[in-house]
């Protein structure tokens, strides 16, 4: 049974997520499977790019973010999914050894006008590294079930 429903969320609330330490092996493994670009696969090749060294794929960072959010708070809610992403920005490279964490911030809540079983949360998620630098920023809506 979910612990949080639409009615439990309010603008300004924050929900932490993480941490997750990113390893060299997982960066290369993810890239080999899903984003086989040299700067995600090979340290020497990566050193010659604008990234200046091996860095996780942005899509890998997205996958890590989703796992951290799901385990951090989303799985304990009446989430019904998301209709899409409004903003996705990769601000800094994610490096081997970085420990990622972050926070989800409720920007706004809106009850559905034609489906009384749900509402929408406008969320901003900030993923940070160990130096508290934002490495990724996501804004989107989440459909959330209502009580009763």
Protein backbone atom coordinates (compact mmCIF):
# COMPACT_ATOMS: atom_id res chain seq x y z
CA UNK A 1 0.00 0.00 0.00
CA UNK A 2 1.45 3.39 -0.97
CA UNK A 3 2.45 5.70 1.86
CA UNK A 4 1.99 8.92 -0.10
CA UNK A 5 -0.89 9.97 -2.31
CA UNK A 6 -1.46 13.15 -4.30
CA UNK A 7 -2.95 14.86 -1.23
CA UNK A 8 0.28 14.31 0.71
CA UNK A 9 2.38 16.46 -1.61
CA UNK A 10 2.65 20.27 -1.49
CA UNK A 11 4.72 22.85 -3.32
CA UNK A 12 8.09 23.32 -1.67
CA UNK A 13 8.40 19.82 -0.23
CA UNK A 14 11.70 18.06 -0.86
CA UNK A 15 12.49 14.36 -1.01
CA UNK A 16 16.12 13.18 -0.90
CA UNK A 17 17.49 10.28 -2.93
CA UNK A 18 20.76 8.38 -3.23
CA UNK A 19 23.60 7.89 -2.70
CA UNK A 20 25.12 5.81 -5.48
CA UNK A 21 28.85 5.52 -6.17
CA UNK A 22 29.59 5.36 -9.90
CA UNK A 23 32.33 2.92 -10.88
CA UNK A 24 34.58 2.81 -13.93
CA UNK A 25 33.32 -0.68 -14.71
CA UNK A 26 29.66 0.35 -14.72
CA UNK A 27 30.36 3.40 -16.90
CA UNK A 28 32.06 1.22 -19.51
CA UNK A 29 29.49 -1.58 -19.22
CA UNK A 30 26.52 0.76 -19.71
CA UNK A 31 28.23 2.54 -22.60
CA UNK A 32 29.17 -0.72 -24.32
CA UNK A 33 25.53 -1.79 -24.22
CA UNK A 34 23.65 1.48 -24.81
CA UNK A 35 25.90 4.44 -25.75
CA UNK A 36 29.13 3.18 -27.37
CA UNK A 37 30.90 6.48 -27.84
CA UNK A 38 34.68 6.60 -27.24
CA UNK A 39 34.51 9.09 -24.33
CA UNK A 40 32.30 6.61 -22.43
CA UNK A 41 34.37 3.53 -23.29
CA UNK A 42 38.06 4.37 -23.43
CA UNK A 43 40.06 6.56 -21.03
CA UNK A 44 42.72 7.47 -23.61
CA UNK A 45 40.19 8.43 -26.25
CA UNK A 46 38.16 10.32 -23.64
CA UNK A 47 41.22 12.33 -22.56
CA UNK A 48 41.35 13.84 -26.07
CA UNK A 49 37.72 15.05 -26.02
CA UNK A 50 35.98 18.08 -24.56
CA UNK A 51 35.17 15.91 -21.51
CA UNK A 52 38.87 15.52 -20.77
CA UNK A 53 38.47 12.00 -19.42
CA UNK A 54 36.17 9.04 -19.02
CA UNK A 55 32.61 10.11 -18.21
CA UNK A 56 29.30 8.34 -17.80
CA UNK A 57 26.76 8.60 -20.58
CA UNK A 58 24.03 11.11 -19.84
CA UNK A 59 21.57 8.26 -20.37
CA UNK A 60 23.44 6.24 -17.74
CA UNK A 61 23.06 9.19 -15.37
CA UNK A 62 19.32 9.23 -16.16
CA UNK A 63 19.05 5.52 -15.37
CA UNK A 64 20.92 5.98 -12.07
CA UNK A 65 18.68 8.93 -11.22
CA UNK A 66 15.55 6.87 -11.87
CA UNK A 67 16.78 4.05 -9.63
CA UNK A 68 17.71 6.44 -6.81
CA UNK A 69 14.33 8.23 -7.00
CA UNK A 70 12.40 4.94 -7.14
CA UNK A 71 14.23 3.54 -4.12
CA UNK A 72 14.35 6.90 -2.32
CA UNK A 73 10.66 7.80 -2.31
CA UNK A 74 8.72 7.07 -5.52
CA UNK A 75 8.08 3.37 -4.82
CA UNK A 76 6.34 4.40 -1.59
CA UNK A 77 3.85 6.57 -3.45
CA UNK A 78 0.77 6.13 -5.61
CA UNK A 79 2.72 7.11 -8.73
CA UNK A 80 0.93 6.42 -11.99
CA UNK A 81 3.89 7.35 -14.19
CA UNK A 82 4.83 10.48 -16.07
CA UNK A 83 3.46 11.95 -19.30
CA UNK A 84 6.99 13.03 -20.27
CA UNK A 85 10.03 15.16 -19.51
CA UNK A 86 9.89 18.93 -19.87
CA UNK A 87 13.56 19.67 -19.12
CA UNK A 88 16.62 17.44 -19.03
CA UNK A 89 20.05 19.03 -18.69
CA UNK A 90 23.41 17.40 -18.15
CA UNK A 91 25.42 20.08 -16.34
CA UNK A 92 28.70 18.29 -15.53
CA UNK A 93 30.39 15.03 -16.45
CA UNK A 94 29.88 12.12 -14.09
CA UNK A 95 33.27 10.49 -13.42
CA UNK A 96 34.36 7.14 -12.05
CA UNK A 97 34.35 7.42 -8.26
CA UNK A 98 31.67 10.13 -8.12
CA UNK A 99 28.97 9.52 -5.55
CA UNK A 100 25.63 10.79 -6.79
CA UNK A 101 22.67 11.83 -4.68
CA UNK A 102 20.07 14.54 -4.88
CA UNK A 103 16.65 15.85 -4.12
CA UNK A 104 13.22 15.96 -5.70
CA UNK A 105 11.36 19.23 -5.18
CA UNK A 106 7.60 19.64 -5.62
CA UNK A 107 7.07 22.79 -7.68
CA UNK A 108 3.29 22.61 -8.02
CA UNK A 109 0.31 20.31 -7.55
CA UNK A 110 -2.83 20.18 -9.68
CA UNK A 111 -5.82 17.89 -9.36
CA UNK A 112 -6.96 16.42 -12.66
CA UNK A 113 -10.06 18.19 -13.96
CA UNK A 114 -11.46 15.15 -15.78
CA UNK A 115 -10.03 12.14 -13.88
CA UNK A 116 -10.88 12.38 -10.18
CA UNK A 117 -8.64 9.43 -9.28
CA UNK A 118 -5.43 11.40 -9.91
CA UNK A 119 -3.52 14.64 -9.74
CA UNK A 120 -0.30 15.97 -11.21
CA UNK A 121 2.88 16.93 -9.41
CA UNK A 122 5.26 19.28 -11.21
CA UNK A 123 8.72 18.17 -10.02
CA UNK A 124 12.29 19.38 -10.25
CA UNK A 125 15.04 16.85 -9.57
CA UNK A 126 18.63 17.85 -8.94
CA UNK A 127 21.34 15.18 -9.13
CA UNK A 128 24.59 16.23 -7.45
CA UNK A 129 28.10 14.79 -7.10
CA UNK A 130 30.21 14.57 -3.92
CA UNK A 131 31.16 18.25 -4.30
CA UNK A 132 27.47 19.18 -4.33
CA UNK A 133 27.75 20.28 -7.97
CA UNK A 134 24.61 19.72 -10.03
CA UNK A 135 25.42 17.12 -12.67
CA UNK A 136 21.87 16.69 -13.99
CA UNK A 137 18.61 18.59 -13.77
CA UNK A 138 15.19 17.15 -14.66
CA UNK A 139 11.75 18.81 -14.64
CA UNK A 140 8.57 16.93 -15.42
CA UNK A 141 5.11 16.05 -14.18
CA UNK A 142 4.17 12.88 -12.32
CA UNK A 143 0.62 11.51 -12.26
CA UNK A 144 -0.18 10.58 -8.69
CA UNK A 145 -3.15 8.57 -7.45
CA UNK A 146 -5.58 10.17 -5.00
CA UNK A 147 -6.97 8.63 -1.84
CA UNK A 148 -10.26 6.77 -2.01
